[in-house]
N, C-alpha and C. Protein backbone atom coordinates (compact mmCIF):
# COMPACT_ATOMS: atom_id res chain seq x y z
N MET A 1 239.71 223.94 67.82
CA MET A 1 240.55 224.99 68.32
C MET A 1 241.95 224.43 68.55
N LEU A 2 242.95 225.16 68.04
CA LEU A 2 244.35 224.77 68.26
C LEU A 2 244.88 225.38 69.55
N TYR A 3 244.63 226.67 69.75
CA TYR A 3 245.04 227.40 70.95
C TYR A 3 243.99 228.46 71.23
N SER A 4 243.95 228.89 72.48
CA SER A 4 243.08 229.99 72.88
C SER A 4 243.92 230.97 73.67
N ILE A 5 243.92 232.24 73.23
CA ILE A 5 244.63 233.30 73.94
C ILE A 5 243.56 234.27 74.42
N GLY A 6 243.26 234.22 75.71
CA GLY A 6 242.18 235.05 76.23
C GLY A 6 240.88 234.68 75.54
N THR A 7 240.27 235.65 74.87
CA THR A 7 238.99 235.42 74.19
C THR A 7 239.16 235.13 72.71
N VAL A 8 240.41 235.02 72.23
CA VAL A 8 240.67 234.77 70.82
C VAL A 8 241.03 233.30 70.61
N ASP A 9 240.26 232.63 69.77
CA ASP A 9 240.54 231.24 69.42
C ASP A 9 241.39 231.20 68.16
N LEU A 10 242.45 230.41 68.21
CA LEU A 10 243.32 230.22 67.06
C LEU A 10 243.02 228.84 66.50
N ASP A 11 242.63 228.80 65.25
CA ASP A 11 242.22 227.55 64.62
C ASP A 11 242.69 227.58 63.18
N THR A 12 242.17 226.68 62.38
CA THR A 12 242.57 226.66 60.97
C THR A 12 241.91 227.77 60.17
N ARG A 13 240.79 228.29 60.65
CA ARG A 13 240.17 229.46 60.05
C ARG A 13 239.31 230.18 61.06
N PRO A 14 239.14 231.45 61.06
CA PRO A 14 239.78 232.39 60.16
C PRO A 14 241.19 232.77 60.61
N PHE A 15 241.53 232.55 61.90
CA PHE A 15 242.84 232.93 62.42
C PHE A 15 243.66 231.66 62.61
N SER A 16 244.52 231.37 61.65
CA SER A 16 245.24 230.10 61.67
C SER A 16 246.61 230.22 62.33
N VAL A 17 247.04 229.11 62.90
CA VAL A 17 248.37 228.98 63.47
C VAL A 17 248.99 227.73 62.87
N GLU A 18 250.23 227.87 62.43
CA GLU A 18 250.91 226.74 61.79
C GLU A 18 252.09 226.23 62.62
N THR A 19 252.73 227.10 63.39
CA THR A 19 253.86 226.67 64.21
C THR A 19 253.74 227.26 65.62
N VAL A 20 254.24 226.51 66.58
CA VAL A 20 254.28 226.95 67.97
C VAL A 20 255.68 226.65 68.49
N GLU A 21 256.26 227.64 69.16
CA GLU A 21 257.59 227.46 69.74
C GLU A 21 257.51 227.89 71.20
N ARG A 22 258.06 227.05 72.08
CA ARG A 22 258.05 227.39 73.50
C ARG A 22 259.46 227.22 74.06
N SER A 23 259.90 228.20 74.83
CA SER A 23 261.18 228.08 75.52
C SER A 23 260.96 228.43 76.98
N ALA A 24 261.48 227.59 77.85
CA ALA A 24 261.32 227.79 79.29
C ALA A 24 262.67 227.56 79.95
N SER A 25 262.89 228.23 81.08
CA SER A 25 264.18 228.10 81.76
C SER A 25 263.97 228.05 83.27
N ALA A 26 265.06 227.77 83.97
CA ALA A 26 265.09 227.80 85.43
C ALA A 26 266.21 228.74 85.84
N ASP A 27 266.05 229.41 86.96
CA ASP A 27 267.07 230.33 87.45
C ASP A 27 267.88 229.68 88.57
N PHE A 28 269.20 229.86 88.50
CA PHE A 28 270.12 229.32 89.50
C PHE A 28 271.07 230.41 89.94
N ALA A 29 271.37 230.44 91.22
CA ALA A 29 272.40 231.33 91.76
C ALA A 29 273.71 230.54 91.76
N VAL A 30 274.73 231.09 91.11
CA VAL A 30 276.01 230.41 91.03
C VAL A 30 276.85 230.80 92.24
N LYS A 31 277.40 229.78 92.92
CA LYS A 31 278.22 230.00 94.11
C LYS A 31 279.61 229.42 93.85
N PRO A 32 280.63 230.28 93.81
CA PRO A 32 281.99 229.77 93.57
C PRO A 32 282.46 228.88 94.73
N LEU A 33 283.09 227.78 94.38
CA LEU A 33 283.65 226.85 95.36
C LEU A 33 285.12 226.62 95.04
N ILE A 34 285.93 226.38 96.03
CA ILE A 34 287.36 226.17 95.83
C ILE A 34 287.60 224.71 95.46
N GLY A 35 288.34 224.51 94.37
CA GLY A 35 288.76 223.17 93.97
C GLY A 35 287.70 222.32 93.30
N THR A 36 286.57 222.89 92.94
CA THR A 36 285.52 222.12 92.27
C THR A 36 284.67 223.05 91.40
N LEU A 37 283.76 222.48 90.70
CA LEU A 37 282.86 223.28 89.87
C LEU A 37 281.99 224.18 90.75
N PRO A 38 281.58 225.32 90.23
CA PRO A 38 280.71 226.21 91.03
C PRO A 38 279.41 225.50 91.39
N GLY A 39 278.93 225.77 92.60
CA GLY A 39 277.65 225.24 93.03
C GLY A 39 276.51 226.07 92.46
N ARG A 40 275.38 225.48 92.31
CA ARG A 40 274.21 226.19 91.79
C ARG A 40 273.03 225.94 92.73
N GLU A 41 272.41 227.03 93.15
CA GLU A 41 271.24 226.94 94.01
C GLU A 41 270.01 227.33 93.20
N PHE A 42 269.04 226.44 93.19
CA PHE A 42 267.82 226.69 92.43
C PHE A 42 267.07 227.88 93.02
N MET A 43 266.75 228.84 92.16
CA MET A 43 266.08 230.06 92.62
C MET A 43 264.61 230.12 92.17
N GLY A 44 264.20 229.19 91.36
CA GLY A 44 262.81 229.17 90.90
C GLY A 44 262.72 229.11 89.39
N GLU A 45 261.52 229.18 88.94
CA GLU A 45 261.26 229.11 87.50
C GLU A 45 261.72 230.40 86.83
N GLY A 46 262.31 230.25 85.66
CA GLY A 46 262.78 231.40 84.90
C GLY A 46 261.77 231.82 83.85
N GLU A 47 262.26 232.42 82.79
CA GLU A 47 261.41 232.89 81.70
C GLU A 47 260.71 231.71 81.01
N ASP A 48 259.48 231.93 80.62
CA ASP A 48 258.70 230.95 79.87
C ASP A 48 258.04 231.72 78.74
N ARG A 49 258.49 231.49 77.52
CA ARG A 49 257.98 232.23 76.36
C ARG A 49 257.30 231.26 75.40
N LEU A 50 256.24 231.78 74.80
CA LEU A 50 255.46 231.00 73.83
C LEU A 50 255.27 231.87 72.59
N THR A 51 255.60 231.32 71.43
CA THR A 51 255.42 232.04 70.17
C THR A 51 254.56 231.20 69.25
N VAL A 52 253.47 231.79 68.77
CA VAL A 52 252.61 231.12 67.79
C VAL A 52 252.70 231.91 66.49
N SER A 53 252.82 231.19 65.38
CA SER A 53 252.98 231.83 64.07
C SER A 53 252.06 231.16 63.07
N GLY A 54 251.67 231.94 62.08
CA GLY A 54 250.81 231.39 61.04
C GLY A 54 250.62 232.38 59.91
N GLN A 55 249.60 232.12 59.14
CA GLN A 55 249.33 232.91 57.95
C GLN A 55 247.82 233.11 57.81
N LEU A 56 247.44 234.33 57.47
CA LEU A 56 246.03 234.67 57.28
C LEU A 56 245.77 234.97 55.81
N LEU A 57 244.55 234.74 55.40
CA LEU A 57 244.07 235.14 54.08
C LEU A 57 242.86 236.03 54.30
N PRO A 58 243.09 237.31 54.66
CA PRO A 58 241.98 238.18 55.07
C PRO A 58 240.89 238.36 54.03
N SER A 59 241.25 238.43 52.75
CA SER A 59 240.23 238.67 51.74
C SER A 59 239.39 237.43 51.46
N LYS A 60 239.88 236.26 51.85
CA LYS A 60 239.13 235.01 51.61
C LYS A 60 238.42 234.49 52.86
N ILE A 61 239.15 234.42 54.00
CA ILE A 61 238.56 233.82 55.19
C ILE A 61 238.62 234.70 56.42
N GLY A 62 239.21 235.89 56.33
CA GLY A 62 239.25 236.81 57.48
C GLY A 62 240.44 236.59 58.37
N GLY A 63 240.31 237.04 59.61
CA GLY A 63 241.36 236.89 60.60
C GLY A 63 241.93 238.20 61.10
N LEU A 64 241.68 239.31 60.37
CA LEU A 64 242.23 240.60 60.82
C LEU A 64 241.58 241.09 62.11
N THR A 65 240.31 240.75 62.34
CA THR A 65 239.63 241.15 63.57
C THR A 65 240.30 240.51 64.78
N GLN A 66 240.64 239.23 64.68
CA GLN A 66 241.32 238.54 65.77
C GLN A 66 242.72 239.10 65.98
N LEU A 67 243.41 239.43 64.89
CA LEU A 67 244.74 240.02 64.99
C LEU A 67 244.68 241.38 65.68
N GLU A 68 243.68 242.17 65.36
CA GLU A 68 243.53 243.47 66.00
C GLU A 68 243.17 243.31 67.48
N ALA A 69 242.39 242.28 67.82
CA ALA A 69 242.06 242.02 69.23
C ALA A 69 243.34 241.70 70.01
N LEU A 70 244.24 240.91 69.42
CA LEU A 70 245.51 240.60 70.08
C LEU A 70 246.36 241.85 70.25
N HIS A 71 246.33 242.75 69.25
CA HIS A 71 247.04 244.03 69.39
C HIS A 71 246.45 244.84 70.54
N SER A 72 245.14 244.81 70.72
CA SER A 72 244.49 245.53 71.82
C SER A 72 244.95 244.98 73.16
N PHE A 73 245.04 243.66 73.28
CA PHE A 73 245.53 243.05 74.51
C PHE A 73 246.97 243.47 74.78
N ARG A 74 247.79 243.51 73.72
CA ARG A 74 249.20 243.89 73.86
C ARG A 74 249.32 245.33 74.33
N ARG A 75 248.55 246.23 73.69
CA ARG A 75 248.61 247.64 74.06
C ARG A 75 248.18 247.87 75.50
N ALA A 76 247.22 247.10 75.98
CA ALA A 76 246.71 247.26 77.34
C ALA A 76 247.56 246.52 78.37
N GLY A 77 248.47 245.65 77.92
CA GLY A 77 249.30 244.88 78.84
C GLY A 77 248.51 243.88 79.66
N GLN A 78 247.47 243.33 79.07
CA GLN A 78 246.57 242.44 79.81
C GLN A 78 247.16 241.05 79.98
N ARG A 79 246.91 240.48 81.17
CA ARG A 79 247.26 239.08 81.44
C ARG A 79 246.14 238.23 80.86
N LEU A 80 246.52 237.22 80.09
CA LEU A 80 245.52 236.40 79.41
C LEU A 80 245.78 234.92 79.66
N PRO A 81 244.71 234.13 79.86
CA PRO A 81 244.92 232.68 79.97
C PRO A 81 245.19 232.10 78.58
N VAL A 82 246.13 231.17 78.52
CA VAL A 82 246.43 230.50 77.25
C VAL A 82 246.15 229.02 77.44
N MET A 83 245.34 228.47 76.52
CA MET A 83 244.96 227.07 76.59
C MET A 83 245.27 226.40 75.26
N ARG A 84 245.80 225.19 75.35
CA ARG A 84 246.08 224.39 74.16
C ARG A 84 244.81 223.67 73.74
N GLY A 85 244.72 223.25 72.51
CA GLY A 85 243.52 222.62 71.97
C GLY A 85 243.09 221.35 72.66
N ASP A 86 244.02 220.67 73.33
CA ASP A 86 243.67 219.44 74.04
C ASP A 86 243.09 219.72 75.42
N GLY A 87 242.90 221.02 75.75
CA GLY A 87 242.30 221.40 77.03
C GLY A 87 243.31 221.71 78.12
N ARG A 88 244.59 221.60 77.83
CA ARG A 88 245.62 221.87 78.85
C ARG A 88 245.83 223.37 79.00
N MET A 89 245.66 223.86 80.23
CA MET A 89 245.89 225.26 80.54
C MET A 89 247.40 225.47 80.66
N LEU A 90 247.97 226.34 79.83
CA LEU A 90 249.41 226.58 79.85
C LEU A 90 249.80 227.66 80.85
N GLY A 91 248.85 228.44 81.31
CA GLY A 91 249.11 229.48 82.30
C GLY A 91 248.64 230.84 81.82
N TRP A 92 249.07 231.86 82.55
CA TRP A 92 248.72 233.24 82.23
C TRP A 92 249.90 233.89 81.52
N PHE A 93 249.62 234.58 80.43
CA PHE A 93 250.67 235.18 79.61
C PHE A 93 250.32 236.62 79.29
N VAL A 94 251.36 237.40 79.01
CA VAL A 94 251.19 238.74 78.44
C VAL A 94 251.80 238.71 77.04
N ILE A 95 251.20 239.46 76.14
CA ILE A 95 251.71 239.53 74.77
C ILE A 95 252.81 240.58 74.73
N GLU A 96 254.02 240.13 74.40
CA GLU A 96 255.17 241.03 74.34
C GLU A 96 255.36 241.63 72.95
N GLU A 97 255.09 240.83 71.93
CA GLU A 97 255.36 241.30 70.57
C GLU A 97 254.44 240.61 69.58
N ILE A 98 253.98 241.39 68.60
CA ILE A 98 253.24 240.84 67.47
C ILE A 98 253.93 241.32 66.21
N ARG A 99 254.26 240.39 65.35
CA ARG A 99 254.87 240.75 64.07
C ARG A 99 253.90 240.31 62.97
N GLU A 100 253.72 241.17 62.01
CA GLU A 100 252.88 240.81 60.86
C GLU A 100 253.55 241.30 59.59
N SER A 101 253.41 240.51 58.54
CA SER A 101 253.97 240.90 57.25
C SER A 101 252.91 240.68 56.17
N HIS A 102 252.61 241.76 55.46
CA HIS A 102 251.61 241.72 54.40
C HIS A 102 252.33 241.54 53.06
N SER A 103 251.86 240.60 52.27
CA SER A 103 252.43 240.42 50.93
C SER A 103 251.30 240.35 49.91
N ASN A 104 251.63 240.68 48.67
CA ASN A 104 250.65 240.74 47.59
C ASN A 104 249.50 241.67 47.97
N LEU A 105 249.84 242.95 48.17
CA LEU A 105 248.87 243.92 48.65
C LEU A 105 247.67 244.05 47.71
N MET A 106 246.51 244.16 48.33
CA MET A 106 245.26 244.36 47.59
C MET A 106 245.02 245.86 47.47
N ARG A 107 243.92 246.25 46.85
CA ARG A 107 243.62 247.67 46.63
C ARG A 107 243.43 248.46 47.92
N ASP A 108 243.04 247.77 49.01
CA ASP A 108 242.82 248.47 50.27
C ASP A 108 244.08 248.55 51.13
N GLY A 109 245.22 248.08 50.62
CA GLY A 109 246.48 248.14 51.35
C GLY A 109 246.73 246.95 52.25
N VAL A 110 245.77 246.05 52.35
CA VAL A 110 245.92 244.84 53.16
C VAL A 110 246.47 243.74 52.26
N GLY A 111 247.39 242.97 52.78
CA GLY A 111 247.96 241.89 51.99
C GLY A 111 246.97 240.78 51.71
N PHE A 112 247.10 240.18 50.55
CA PHE A 112 246.31 238.99 50.25
C PHE A 112 246.71 237.89 51.23
N THR A 113 248.00 237.86 51.55
CA THR A 113 248.54 236.94 52.54
C THR A 113 249.16 237.76 53.66
N VAL A 114 248.81 237.45 54.91
CA VAL A 114 249.36 238.15 56.07
C VAL A 114 249.99 237.11 56.98
N GLY A 115 251.32 237.16 57.08
CA GLY A 115 252.03 236.30 58.02
C GLY A 115 252.04 236.96 59.38
N HIS A 116 251.90 236.18 60.44
CA HIS A 116 251.87 236.75 61.79
C HIS A 116 252.65 235.88 62.76
N SER A 117 253.15 236.54 63.80
CA SER A 117 253.86 235.86 64.87
C SER A 117 253.54 236.60 66.17
N VAL A 118 253.05 235.87 67.17
CA VAL A 118 252.67 236.44 68.45
C VAL A 118 253.57 235.83 69.52
N THR A 119 254.36 236.69 70.20
CA THR A 119 255.27 236.22 71.24
C THR A 119 254.72 236.63 72.60
N MET A 120 254.61 235.65 73.49
CA MET A 120 254.04 235.88 74.82
C MET A 120 255.02 235.42 75.89
N ALA A 121 254.94 236.03 77.06
CA ALA A 121 255.74 235.64 78.22
C ALA A 121 254.81 235.29 79.37
N ARG A 122 255.15 234.20 80.05
CA ARG A 122 254.31 233.76 81.17
C ARG A 122 254.45 234.74 82.33
N THR A 123 253.33 234.93 83.03
CA THR A 123 253.30 235.87 84.15
C THR A 123 252.43 235.29 85.25
N SER A 124 252.40 235.96 86.38
CA SER A 124 251.54 235.51 87.48
C SER A 124 250.11 235.93 87.18
N PRO A 125 249.14 235.21 87.73
CA PRO A 125 247.74 235.55 87.46
C PRO A 125 247.20 236.70 88.29
N GLU A 126 248.05 237.45 89.00
CA GLU A 126 247.59 238.56 89.83
C GLU A 126 246.83 239.57 88.99
N GLY A 127 245.67 239.94 89.44
CA GLY A 127 244.86 240.92 88.72
C GLY A 127 244.25 240.37 87.44
N ALA A 128 244.24 239.06 87.30
CA ALA A 128 243.77 238.46 86.06
C ALA A 128 242.26 238.58 85.88
N SER A 129 241.49 238.55 86.95
CA SER A 129 240.03 238.63 86.79
C SER A 129 239.63 239.97 86.19
N ALA A 130 240.28 241.05 86.61
CA ALA A 130 240.01 242.35 86.02
C ALA A 130 240.49 242.38 84.58
N SER A 131 241.56 241.63 84.30
CA SER A 131 242.12 241.58 82.95
C SER A 131 241.15 240.91 81.98
N ILE A 132 240.44 239.88 82.43
CA ILE A 132 239.48 239.19 81.57
C ILE A 132 238.34 240.12 81.21
N ILE A 133 237.86 240.88 82.17
CA ILE A 133 236.78 241.83 81.89
C ILE A 133 237.25 242.86 80.87
N GLY A 134 238.48 243.36 81.05
CA GLY A 134 239.04 244.30 80.09
C GLY A 134 239.22 243.67 78.73
N ALA A 135 239.59 242.39 78.70
CA ALA A 135 239.77 241.69 77.42
C ALA A 135 238.45 241.59 76.67
N LEU A 136 237.38 241.27 77.40
CA LEU A 136 236.07 241.17 76.76
C LEU A 136 235.63 242.52 76.21
N LEU A 137 235.86 243.59 76.98
CA LEU A 137 235.49 244.91 76.52
C LEU A 137 236.32 245.34 75.31
N SER A 138 237.61 245.01 75.31
CA SER A 138 238.44 245.41 74.17
C SER A 138 238.09 244.62 72.92
N ILE A 139 237.58 243.40 73.07
CA ILE A 139 237.13 242.64 71.89
C ILE A 139 236.01 243.38 71.21
N PHE A 140 235.06 243.88 71.99
CA PHE A 140 233.95 244.61 71.40
C PHE A 140 234.42 245.91 70.77
N GLY A 141 235.45 246.53 71.36
CA GLY A 141 236.04 247.73 70.78
C GLY A 141 236.72 247.43 69.46
N ALA A 142 237.43 246.28 69.37
CA ALA A 142 238.13 245.91 68.14
C ALA A 142 237.14 245.56 67.04
N ILE A 143 236.02 244.94 67.39
CA ILE A 143 235.01 244.58 66.39
C ILE A 143 234.34 245.82 65.83
N GLY A 144 234.17 246.84 66.68
CA GLY A 144 233.49 248.07 66.25
C GLY A 144 234.30 248.93 65.31
N ARG A 145 235.59 248.62 65.11
CA ARG A 145 236.43 249.45 64.25
C ARG A 145 236.23 249.16 62.80
């Protein structure tokens, strides 16, 4: 496993990830001072975004079921635990955006190659236990489609 987003494992197959990008910031209150540079007071942790991108081959190895499960999480606004493959818990995230691009369309309208990008923002774990139950239920809903 390379990464785990809630109940969806991202690995080399069927749902592969090739690149990961993370940007994190800190928030500061700027205080003007006379005769010197403005002072900055630390206000806490700022935005923390994680983007995972990759490519699927649905007609050969699958991956559309996992992509649809991530769309279900996004639509529901669920908080999900994200874990890296080495076992490090990165925190709780919400999925803000999923981009997919289908190329070399097959007869069913699905691309032979599907590029994907999932952008997540870190959030507090409040209400996360109910979110996990909802995530499990939505997985079964996505599989039934």
